[in-house]
Amino acid sequence: MDRYRRPVPSLRQFFVSYAPDWIVTCALWMILYYISNHVTGFKRQFSLTDVTCVFVHFFTFSRHRS
């Protein structure tokens, strides 16, 4: 009956086998935390009436419609 028993890994083997995964996971979390808290994107004032961000063909289309 002993020959059918599966070997039971030790607790140390368990931790050693999963340690690289947890190290990579923690490193990624730290990188993402730094990016989300310290890197700011380009901030621009936005207005719906600002004509500098209007598509170029908007003016030609509105002239031909009237």
PDB file of N, CA and C in Angstrom:
ATOM      1  N   MET A   1       0.814  -1.184   0.000  1.00  0.00           N
ATOM      2  CA  MET A   1       0.000   0.000   0.000  1.00  0.00           C
ATOM      3  C   MET A   1       0.867   1.261   0.000  1.00  0.00           C
ATOM      4  N   ASP A   2       2.077   1.201   0.489  1.00  0.00           N
ATOM      5  CA  ASP A   2       2.954   2.363   0.523  1.00  0.00           C
ATOM      6  C   ASP A   2       3.402   2.790  -0.864  1.00  0.00           C
ATOM      7  N   ARG A   3       3.441   1.897  -1.797  1.00  0.00           N
ATOM      8  CA  ARG A   3       3.921   2.263  -3.117  1.00  0.00           C
ATOM      9  C   ARG A   3       2.912   3.105  -3.897  1.00  0.00           C
ATOM     10  N   TYR A   4       1.672   3.178  -3.472  1.00  0.00           N
ATOM     11  CA  TYR A   4       0.652   3.988  -4.152  1.00  0.00           C
ATOM     12  C   TYR A   4       0.510   5.389  -3.570  1.00  0.00           C
ATOM     13  N   ARG A   5       1.182   5.663  -2.485  1.00  0.00           N
ATOM     14  CA  ARG A   5       1.083   6.988  -1.855  1.00  0.00           C
ATOM     15  C   ARG A   5       1.933   7.985  -2.624  1.00  0.00           C
ATOM     16  N   ARG A   6       1.378   9.158  -2.843  1.00  0.00           N
ATOM     17  CA  ARG A   6       2.132  10.218  -3.506  1.00  0.00           C
ATOM     18  C   ARG A   6       3.044  10.889  -2.497  1.00  0.00           C
ATOM     19  N   PRO A   7       4.223  11.322  -2.940  1.00  0.00           N
ATOM     20  CA  PRO A   7       5.107  12.015  -1.994  1.00  0.00           C
ATOM     21  C   PRO A   7       4.524  13.381  -1.612  1.00  0.00           C
ATOM     22  N   VAL A   8       4.625  13.732  -0.370  1.00  0.00           N
ATOM     23  CA  VAL A   8       4.109  14.990   0.142  1.00  0.00           C
ATOM     24  C   VAL A   8       5.258  15.989   0.192  1.00  0.00           C
ATOM     25  N   PRO A   9       5.174  17.097  -0.579  1.00  0.00           N
ATOM     26  CA  PRO A   9       6.269  18.066  -0.544  1.00  0.00           C
ATOM     27  C   PRO A   9       6.307  18.781   0.806  1.00  0.00           C
ATOM     28  N   SER A  10       7.493  19.174   1.176  1.00  0.00           N
ATOM     29  CA  SER A  10       7.634  19.861   2.453  1.00  0.00           C
ATOM     30  C   SER A  10       7.178  21.312   2.318  1.00  0.00           C
ATOM     31  N   LEU A  11       7.000  21.946   3.448  1.00  0.00           N
ATOM     32  CA  LEU A  11       6.571  23.342   3.468  1.00  0.00           C
ATOM     33  C   LEU A  11       7.644  24.241   2.871  1.00  0.00           C
ATOM     34  N   ARG A  12       8.906  23.902   3.082  1.00  0.00           N
ATOM     35  CA  ARG A  12      10.006  24.683   2.514  1.00  0.00           C
ATOM     36  C   ARG A  12       9.983  24.615   0.989  1.00  0.00           C
ATOM     37  N   GLN A  13       9.761  23.452   0.425  1.00  0.00           N
ATOM     38  CA  GLN A  13       9.668  23.304  -1.032  1.00  0.00           C
ATOM     39  C   GLN A  13       8.492  24.114  -1.581  1.00  0.00           C
ATOM     40  N   PHE A  14       7.421  24.133  -0.828  1.00  0.00           N
ATOM     41  CA  PHE A  14       6.245  24.899  -1.237  1.00  0.00           C
ATOM     42  C   PHE A  14       6.576  26.381  -1.343  1.00  0.00           C
ATOM     43  N   PHE A  15       7.217  26.939  -0.312  1.00  0.00           N
ATOM     44  CA  PHE A  15       7.573  28.357  -0.331  1.00  0.00           C
ATOM     45  C   PHE A  15       8.611  28.668  -1.398  1.00  0.00           C
ATOM     46  N   VAL A  16       9.575  27.803  -1.580  1.00  0.00           N
ATOM     47  CA  VAL A  16      10.620  28.027  -2.582  1.00  0.00           C
ATOM     48  C   VAL A  16      10.025  27.992  -3.992  1.00  0.00           C
ATOM     49  N   SER A  17       9.054  27.150  -4.223  1.00  0.00           N
ATOM     50  CA  SER A  17       8.477  27.043  -5.556  1.00  0.00           C
ATOM     51  C   SER A  17       7.633  28.267  -5.914  1.00  0.00           C
ATOM     52  N   TYR A  18       7.004  28.900  -4.921  1.00  0.00           N
ATOM     53  CA  TYR A  18       6.159  30.062  -5.194  1.00  0.00           C
ATOM     54  C   TYR A  18       6.848  31.403  -4.948  1.00  0.00           C
ATOM     55  N   ALA A  19       8.031  31.411  -4.383  1.00  0.00           N
ATOM     56  CA  ALA A  19       8.727  32.656  -4.070  1.00  0.00           C
ATOM     57  C   ALA A  19       8.996  33.515  -5.301  1.00  0.00           C
ATOM     58  N   PRO A  20       9.491  32.983  -6.426  1.00  0.00           N
ATOM     59  CA  PRO A  20       9.720  33.845  -7.596  1.00  0.00           C
ATOM     60  C   PRO A  20       8.440  34.507  -8.096  1.00  0.00           C
ATOM     61  N   ASP A  21       7.334  33.800  -8.057  1.00  0.00           N
ATOM     62  CA  ASP A  21       6.060  34.382  -8.493  1.00  0.00           C
ATOM     63  C   ASP A  21       5.670  35.568  -7.620  1.00  0.00           C
ATOM     64  N   TRP A  22       5.813  35.407  -6.298  1.00  0.00           N
ATOM     65  CA  TRP A  22       5.444  36.487  -5.392  1.00  0.00           C
ATOM     66  C   TRP A  22       6.403  37.666  -5.497  1.00  0.00           C
ATOM     67  N   ILE A  23       7.669  37.409  -5.752  1.00  0.00           N
ATOM     68  CA  ILE A  23       8.633  38.498  -5.924  1.00  0.00           C
ATOM     69  C   ILE A  23       8.283  39.319  -7.154  1.00  0.00           C
ATOM     70  N   VAL A  24       7.976  38.652  -8.259  1.00  0.00           N
ATOM     71  CA  VAL A  24       7.586  39.361  -9.489  1.00  0.00           C
ATOM     72  C   VAL A  24       6.287  40.120  -9.275  1.00  0.00           C
ATOM     73  N   THR A  25       5.333  39.507  -8.597  1.00  0.00           N
ATOM     74  CA  THR A  25       4.050  40.159  -8.336  1.00  0.00           C
ATOM     75  C   THR A  25       4.228  41.422  -7.494  1.00  0.00           C
ATOM     76  N   CYS A  26       5.021  41.342  -6.449  1.00  0.00           N
ATOM     77  CA  CYS A  26       5.256  42.514  -5.598  1.00  0.00           C
ATOM     78  C   CYS A  26       6.010  43.607  -6.348  1.00  0.00           C
ATOM     79  N   ALA A  27       6.968  43.227  -7.185  1.00  0.00           N
ATOM     80  CA  ALA A  27       7.698  44.218  -7.969  1.00  0.00           C
ATOM     81  C   ALA A  27       6.765  44.936  -8.942  1.00  0.00           C
ATOM     82  N   LEU A  28       5.890  44.208  -9.594  1.00  0.00           N
ATOM     83  CA  LEU A  28       4.929  44.840 -10.503  1.00  0.00           C
ATOM     84  C   LEU A  28       3.980  45.767  -9.764  1.00  0.00           C
ATOM     85  N   TRP A  29       3.530  45.371  -8.586  1.00  0.00           N
ATOM     86  CA  TRP A  29       2.652  46.228  -7.790  1.00  0.00           C
ATOM     87  C   TRP A  29       3.356  47.529  -7.410  1.00  0.00           C
ATOM     88  N   MET A  30       4.645  47.430  -7.033  1.00  0.00           N
ATOM     89  CA  MET A  30       5.383  48.635  -6.663  1.00  0.00           C
ATOM     90  C   MET A  30       5.575  49.552  -7.865  1.00  0.00           C
ATOM     91  N   ILE A  31       5.855  48.985  -9.022  1.00  0.00           N
ATOM     92  CA  ILE A  31       6.019  49.799 -10.235  1.00  0.00           C
ATOM     93  C   ILE A  31       4.709  50.485 -10.600  1.00  0.00           C
ATOM     94  N   LEU A  32       3.614  49.740 -10.574  1.00  0.00           N
ATOM     95  CA  LEU A  32       2.314  50.328 -10.910  1.00  0.00           C
ATOM     96  C   LEU A  32       1.892  51.379  -9.886  1.00  0.00           C
ATOM     97  N   TYR A  33       2.205  51.169  -8.618  1.00  0.00           N
ATOM     98  CA  TYR A  33       1.895  52.160  -7.589  1.00  0.00           C
ATOM     99  C   TYR A  33       2.658  53.447  -7.856  1.00  0.00           C
ATOM    100  N   TYR A  34       3.938  53.329  -8.179  1.00  0.00           N
ATOM    101  CA  TYR A  34       4.748  54.509  -8.467  1.00  0.00           C
ATOM    102  C   TYR A  34       4.208  55.254  -9.682  1.00  0.00           C
ATOM    103  N   ILE A  35       3.885  54.519 -10.739  1.00  0.00           N
ATOM    104  CA  ILE A  35       3.374  55.153 -11.954  1.00  0.00           C
ATOM    105  C   ILE A  35       2.057  55.868 -11.676  1.00  0.00           C
ATOM    106  N   SER A  36       1.162  55.227 -10.952  1.00  0.00           N
ATOM    107  CA  SER A  36      -0.159  55.823 -10.737  1.00  0.00           C
ATOM    108  C   SER A  36      -0.123  57.026  -9.794  1.00  0.00           C
ATOM    109  N   ASN A  37       0.864  57.105  -8.917  1.00  0.00           N
ATOM    110  CA  ASN A  37       0.906  58.205  -7.950  1.00  0.00           C
ATOM    111  C   ASN A  37       1.892  59.309  -8.286  1.00  0.00           C
ATOM    112  N   HIS A  38       2.882  59.044  -9.111  1.00  0.00           N
ATOM    113  CA  HIS A  38       3.930  60.025  -9.334  1.00  0.00           C
ATOM    114  C   HIS A  38       4.039  60.528 -10.768  1.00  0.00           C
ATOM    115  N   VAL A  39       3.459  59.833 -11.711  1.00  0.00           N
ATOM    116  CA  VAL A  39       3.542  60.253 -13.107  1.00  0.00           C
ATOM    117  C   VAL A  39       2.214  60.894 -13.481  1.00  0.00           C
ATOM    118  N   THR A  40       2.280  62.156 -13.885  1.00  0.00           N
ATOM    119  CA  THR A  40       1.050  62.841 -14.285  1.00  0.00           C
ATOM    120  C   THR A  40       1.028  62.981 -15.800  1.00  0.00           C
ATOM    121  N   GLY A  41      -0.115  62.883 -16.353  1.00  0.00           N
ATOM    122  CA  GLY A  41      -0.265  63.030 -17.791  1.00  0.00           C
ATOM    123  C   GLY A  41      -0.331  64.497 -18.188  1.00  0.00           C
ATOM    124  N   PHE A  42      -0.452  64.728 -19.480  1.00  0.00           N
ATOM    125  CA  PHE A  42      -0.570  66.083 -19.987  1.00  0.00           C
ATOM    126  C   PHE A  42      -1.948  66.608 -19.640  1.00  0.00           C
ATOM    127  N   LYS A  43      -1.999  67.725 -18.968  1.00  0.00           N
ATOM    128  CA  LYS A  43      -3.278  68.308 -18.575  1.00  0.00           C
ATOM    129  C   LYS A  43      -3.501  69.573 -19.376  1.00  0.00           C
ATOM    130  N   ARG A  44      -4.650  69.659 -20.032  1.00  0.00           N
ATOM    131  CA  ARG A  44      -4.988  70.803 -20.859  1.00  0.00           C
ATOM    132  C   ARG A  44      -6.389  71.259 -20.493  1.00  0.00           C
ATOM    133  N   GLN A  45      -6.573  72.565 -20.476  1.00  0.00           N
ATOM    134  CA  GLN A  45      -7.908  73.096 -20.239  1.00  0.00           C
ATOM    135  C   GLN A  45      -8.796  72.712 -21.415  1.00  0.00           C
ATOM    136  N   PHE A  46      -9.994  72.270 -21.115  1.00  0.00           N
ATOM    137  CA  PHE A  46     -10.904  71.824 -22.152  1.00  0.00           C
ATOM    138  C   PHE A  46     -12.183  72.635 -22.105  1.00  0.00           C
ATOM    139  N   SER A  47     -12.637  73.030 -23.290  1.00  0.00           N
ATOM    140  CA  SER A  47     -13.895  73.742 -23.392  1.00  0.00           C
ATOM    141  C   SER A  47     -14.607  73.276 -24.655  1.00  0.00           C
ATOM    142  N   LEU A  48     -15.907  73.155 -24.584  1.00  0.00           N
ATOM    143  CA  LEU A  48     -16.672  72.744 -25.763  1.00  0.00           C
ATOM    144  C   LEU A  48     -16.720  73.830 -26.825  1.00  0.00           C
ATOM    145  N   THR A  49     -16.471  75.061 -26.441  1.00  0.00           N
ATOM    146  CA  THR A  49     -16.516  76.157 -27.406  1.00  0.00           C
ATOM    147  C   THR A  49     -15.138  76.512 -27.958  1.00  0.00           C
ATOM    148  N   ASP A  50     -14.096  75.779 -27.585  1.00  0.00           N
ATOM    149  CA  ASP A  50     -12.749  76.042 -28.072  1.00  0.00           C
ATOM    150  C   ASP A  50     -12.646  75.583 -29.532  1.00  0.00           C
ATOM    151  N   VAL A  51     -12.336  76.526 -30.446  1.00  0.00           N
ATOM    152  CA  VAL A  51     -12.281  76.191 -31.871  1.00  0.00           C
ATOM    153  C   VAL A  51     -10.915  75.657 -32.287  1.00  0.00           C
ATOM    154  N   THR A  52      -9.925  75.655 -31.406  1.00  0.00           N
ATOM    155  CA  THR A  52      -8.615  75.132 -31.784  1.00  0.00           C
ATOM    156  C   THR A  52      -8.587  73.611 -31.806  1.00  0.00           C
ATOM    157  N   CYS A  53      -9.529  72.964 -31.185  1.00  0.00           N
ATOM    158  CA  CYS A  53      -9.550  71.500 -31.189  1.00  0.00           C
ATOM    159  C   CYS A  53     -10.686  70.944 -32.046  1.00  0.00           C
ATOM    160  N   VAL A  54     -11.269  71.766 -32.897  1.00  0.00           N
ATOM    161  CA  VAL A  54     -12.356  71.330 -33.764  1.00  0.00           C
ATOM    162  C   VAL A  54     -11.760  70.685 -35.010  1.00  0.00           C
ATOM    163  N   PHE A  55     -12.417  69.657 -35.512  1.00  0.00           N
ATOM    164  CA  PHE A  55     -11.980  68.990 -36.727  1.00  0.00           C
ATOM    165  C   PHE A  55     -12.019  69.981 -37.891  1.00  0.00           C
ATOM    166  N   VAL A  56     -11.039  69.934 -38.777  1.00  0.00           N
ATOM    167  CA  VAL A  56     -10.882  70.933 -39.837  1.00  0.00           C
ATOM    168  C   VAL A  56     -12.095  70.961 -40.767  1.00  0.00           C
ATOM    169  N   HIS A  57     -12.641  69.842 -41.108  1.00  0.00           N
ATOM    170  CA  HIS A  57     -13.753  69.780 -42.051  1.00  0.00           C
ATOM    171  C   HIS A  57     -15.075  70.262 -41.457  1.00  0.00           C
ATOM    172  N   PHE A  58     -15.098  70.529 -40.174  1.00  0.00           N
ATOM    173  CA  PHE A  58     -16.314  71.033 -39.544  1.00  0.00           C
ATOM    174  C   PHE A  58     -16.712  72.382 -40.137  1.00  0.00           C
ATOM    175  N   PHE A  59     -15.736  73.266 -40.366  1.00  0.00           N
ATOM    176  CA  PHE A  59     -16.049  74.589 -40.883  1.00  0.00           C
ATOM    177  C   PHE A  59     -16.517  74.518 -42.328  1.00  0.00           C
ATOM    178  N   THR A  60     -15.899  73.696 -43.151  1.00  0.00           N
ATOM    179  CA  THR A  60     -16.326  73.584 -44.553  1.00  0.00           C
ATOM    180  C   THR A  60     -17.698  72.930 -44.635  1.00  0.00           C
ATOM    181  N   PHE A  61     -17.959  71.950 -43.775  1.00  0.00           N
ATOM    182  CA  PHE A  61     -19.267  71.295 -43.780  1.00  0.00           C
ATOM    183  C   PHE A  61     -20.371  72.252 -43.336  1.00  0.00           C
ATOM    184  N   SER A  62     -20.101  73.082 -42.329  1.00  0.00           N
ATOM    185  CA  SER A  62     -21.133  73.995 -41.827  1.00  0.00           C
ATOM    186  C   SER A  62     -21.382  75.127 -42.826  1.00  0.00           C
ATOM    187  N   ARG A  63     -20.367  75.534 -43.617  1.00  0.00           N
ATOM    188  CA  ARG A  63     -20.581  76.575 -44.629  1.00  0.00           C
ATOM    189  C   ARG A  63     -21.436  76.042 -45.770  1.00  0.00           C
ATOM    190  N   HIS A  64     -21.261  74.812 -46.162  1.00  0.00           N
ATOM    191  CA  HIS A  64     -22.001  74.257 -47.295  1.00  0.00           C
ATOM    192  C   HIS A  64     -23.430  73.863 -46.911  1.00  0.00           C
ATOM    193  N   ARG A  65     -23.693  73.679 -45.675  1.00  0.00           N
ATOM    194  CA  ARG A  65     -25.042  73.304 -45.251  1.00  0.00           C
ATOM    195  C   ARG A  65     -25.997  74.472 -45.288  1.00  0.00           C
ATOM    196  N   SER A  66     -25.538  75.689 -45.082  1.00  0.00           N
ATOM    197  CA  SER A  66     -26.470  76.804 -45.000  1.00  0.00           C
ATOM    198  C   SER A  66     -26.733  77.430 -46.330  1.00  0.00           C
TER     199      SER A  66
END
